Amino acid sequence: MIDLFSHNLTAYESAIEMLAETGKAAIIHPTGTGKSFIAFKLCEDNEDKRILWLSPSEYIFKTQIENLKSASGGYVPSNIVFYTYAKLMFMSENEIAAISPDYIVLDEFHRCGAEM
């Protein structure tokens, strides 16, 4: 089970409201404050949903999973598919459509404004 710190629980609850109202939400917190744990909590609370988690590098995925395992006693949601932004660029439209996510997590969101 994932227990969030109070500042992240507040952000999580706000994000859930935003997702219900608009279908999207962004968590804007400083580096190292647990934004990935907020996204992992979304995965945990929606085990029946498929989550596409995009990030700039595989190293970031591995580090986040290690941190989650350490903090949660080994728990890792099984409904996450990890891809890098670069991999997604080289996938065909059919391959991308086959992912068919219910939620998309854009890790390192500030990098999403790049043309490629």
Protein backbone atom coordinates (compact mmCIF):
# COMPACT_ATOMS: atom_id res chain seq x y z
CA MET A 1 0.00 0.00 0.00
CA ILE A 2 1.14 3.49 -0.82
CA ASP A 3 0.87 6.05 1.97
CA LEU A 4 1.31 9.63 0.81
CA PHE A 5 2.75 12.47 2.85
CA SER A 6 0.12 15.11 3.64
CA HIS A 7 1.31 17.56 0.96
CA ASN A 8 1.11 14.80 -1.66
CA LEU A 9 -2.25 13.55 -0.41
CA THR A 10 -3.65 17.05 -0.86
CA ALA A 11 -2.21 17.19 -4.40
CA TYR A 12 -3.53 13.70 -5.17
CA GLU A 13 -7.05 14.56 -4.04
CA SER A 14 -6.96 17.76 -6.12
CA ALA A 15 -5.69 15.81 -9.15
CA ILE A 16 -8.50 13.27 -8.81
CA GLU A 17 -11.04 16.11 -8.81
CA MET A 18 -9.39 17.68 -11.85
CA LEU A 19 -9.34 14.35 -13.70
CA ALA A 20 -13.06 13.92 -13.01
CA GLU A 21 -13.85 17.44 -14.22
CA THR A 22 -11.49 17.86 -17.19
CA GLY A 23 -9.83 14.53 -17.88
CA LYS A 24 -6.37 15.91 -17.09
CA ALA A 25 -4.29 17.16 -14.19
CA ALA A 26 -0.73 18.30 -13.52
CA ILE A 27 1.21 18.07 -10.28
CA ILE A 28 3.67 20.93 -10.00
CA HIS A 29 5.96 20.31 -7.04
CA PRO A 30 9.72 20.73 -6.62
CA THR A 31 12.10 17.90 -7.48
CA GLY A 32 12.32 15.23 -4.80
CA THR A 33 8.96 15.90 -3.14
CA GLY A 34 7.27 12.69 -4.26
CA LYS A 35 5.38 13.46 -7.47
CA SER A 36 5.96 9.92 -8.72
CA PHE A 37 4.34 8.55 -5.56
CA ILE A 38 1.22 10.55 -6.39
CA ALA A 39 1.11 8.89 -9.82
CA PHE A 40 1.79 5.46 -8.29
CA LYS A 41 -1.14 6.05 -5.92
CA LEU A 42 -3.35 6.70 -8.96
CA CYS A 43 -2.19 3.35 -10.35
CA GLU A 44 -2.86 1.59 -7.07
CA ASP A 45 -6.33 3.09 -6.72
CA ASN A 46 -7.21 2.14 -10.30
CA GLU A 47 -5.87 -1.40 -10.61
CA ASP A 48 -8.46 -2.19 -13.28
CA LYS A 49 -7.11 0.60 -15.52
CA ARG A 50 -4.14 0.50 -17.89
CA ILE A 51 -1.57 3.22 -17.19
CA LEU A 52 0.92 4.44 -19.80
CA TRP A 53 3.88 6.03 -18.01
CA LEU A 54 6.13 8.14 -20.24
CA SER A 55 9.54 9.36 -19.15
CA PRO A 56 12.75 10.66 -20.74
CA SER A 57 14.81 7.61 -19.74
CA GLU A 58 14.62 4.03 -18.53
CA TYR A 59 16.93 4.99 -15.65
CA ILE A 60 14.18 7.19 -14.23
CA PHE A 61 11.69 4.27 -14.32
CA LYS A 62 14.12 1.98 -12.55
CA THR A 63 14.91 4.54 -9.87
CA GLN A 64 11.24 5.29 -9.25
CA ILE A 65 10.37 1.61 -8.96
CA GLU A 66 13.25 1.05 -6.54
CA ASN A 67 12.08 4.00 -4.41
CA LEU A 68 8.49 2.72 -4.45
CA LYS A 69 9.52 -0.81 -3.45
CA SER A 70 11.59 0.59 -0.59
CA ALA A 71 8.80 2.83 0.69
CA SER A 72 5.90 0.42 0.19
CA GLY A 73 7.38 -2.84 1.40
CA GLY A 74 7.86 -4.15 -2.12
CA TYR A 75 4.53 -3.18 -3.66
CA VAL A 76 4.55 -2.20 -7.35
CA PRO A 77 1.32 -1.73 -9.33
CA SER A 78 1.04 -4.25 -12.16
CA ASN A 79 -1.08 -2.08 -14.44
CA ILE A 80 1.71 0.21 -15.69
CA VAL A 81 3.34 0.12 -19.11
CA PHE A 82 6.57 2.17 -19.22
CA TYR A 83 7.87 3.86 -22.38
CA THR A 84 10.38 6.59 -23.02
CA TYR A 85 9.37 9.62 -25.05
CA ALA A 86 12.01 8.64 -27.61
CA LYS A 87 10.58 5.14 -28.06
CA LEU A 88 7.11 6.55 -28.59
CA MET A 89 8.44 8.77 -31.38
CA PHE A 90 9.55 5.71 -33.35
CA MET A 91 6.43 3.62 -32.86
CA SER A 92 3.84 3.29 -35.61
CA GLU A 93 0.33 4.65 -35.15
CA ASN A 94 -0.92 1.05 -34.85
CA GLU A 95 1.62 0.25 -32.12
CA ILE A 96 0.65 3.38 -30.21
CA ALA A 97 -3.07 2.62 -30.61
CA ALA A 98 -2.47 -0.91 -29.27
CA ILE A 99 -1.29 0.51 -25.93
CA SER A 100 -4.86 1.72 -25.32
CA PRO A 101 -4.27 3.39 -21.94
CA ASP A 102 -6.93 4.62 -19.56
CA TYR A 103 -4.47 7.10 -18.05
CA ILE A 104 -1.21 8.60 -19.30
CA VAL A 105 1.43 9.81 -16.84
CA LEU A 106 3.82 12.34 -18.37
CA ASP A 107 6.88 12.19 -16.13
CA GLU A 108 9.25 15.14 -16.48
CA PHE A 109 6.26 16.98 -17.96
CA HIS A 110 8.32 20.09 -18.69
CA ARG A 111 10.06 18.10 -21.46
CA CYS A 112 6.77 17.53 -23.31
CA GLY A 113 6.97 20.86 -25.14
CA ALA A 114 9.78 19.69 -27.41
CA GLU A 115 9.04 19.41 -31.12
CA MET A 116 10.44 15.86 -31.10
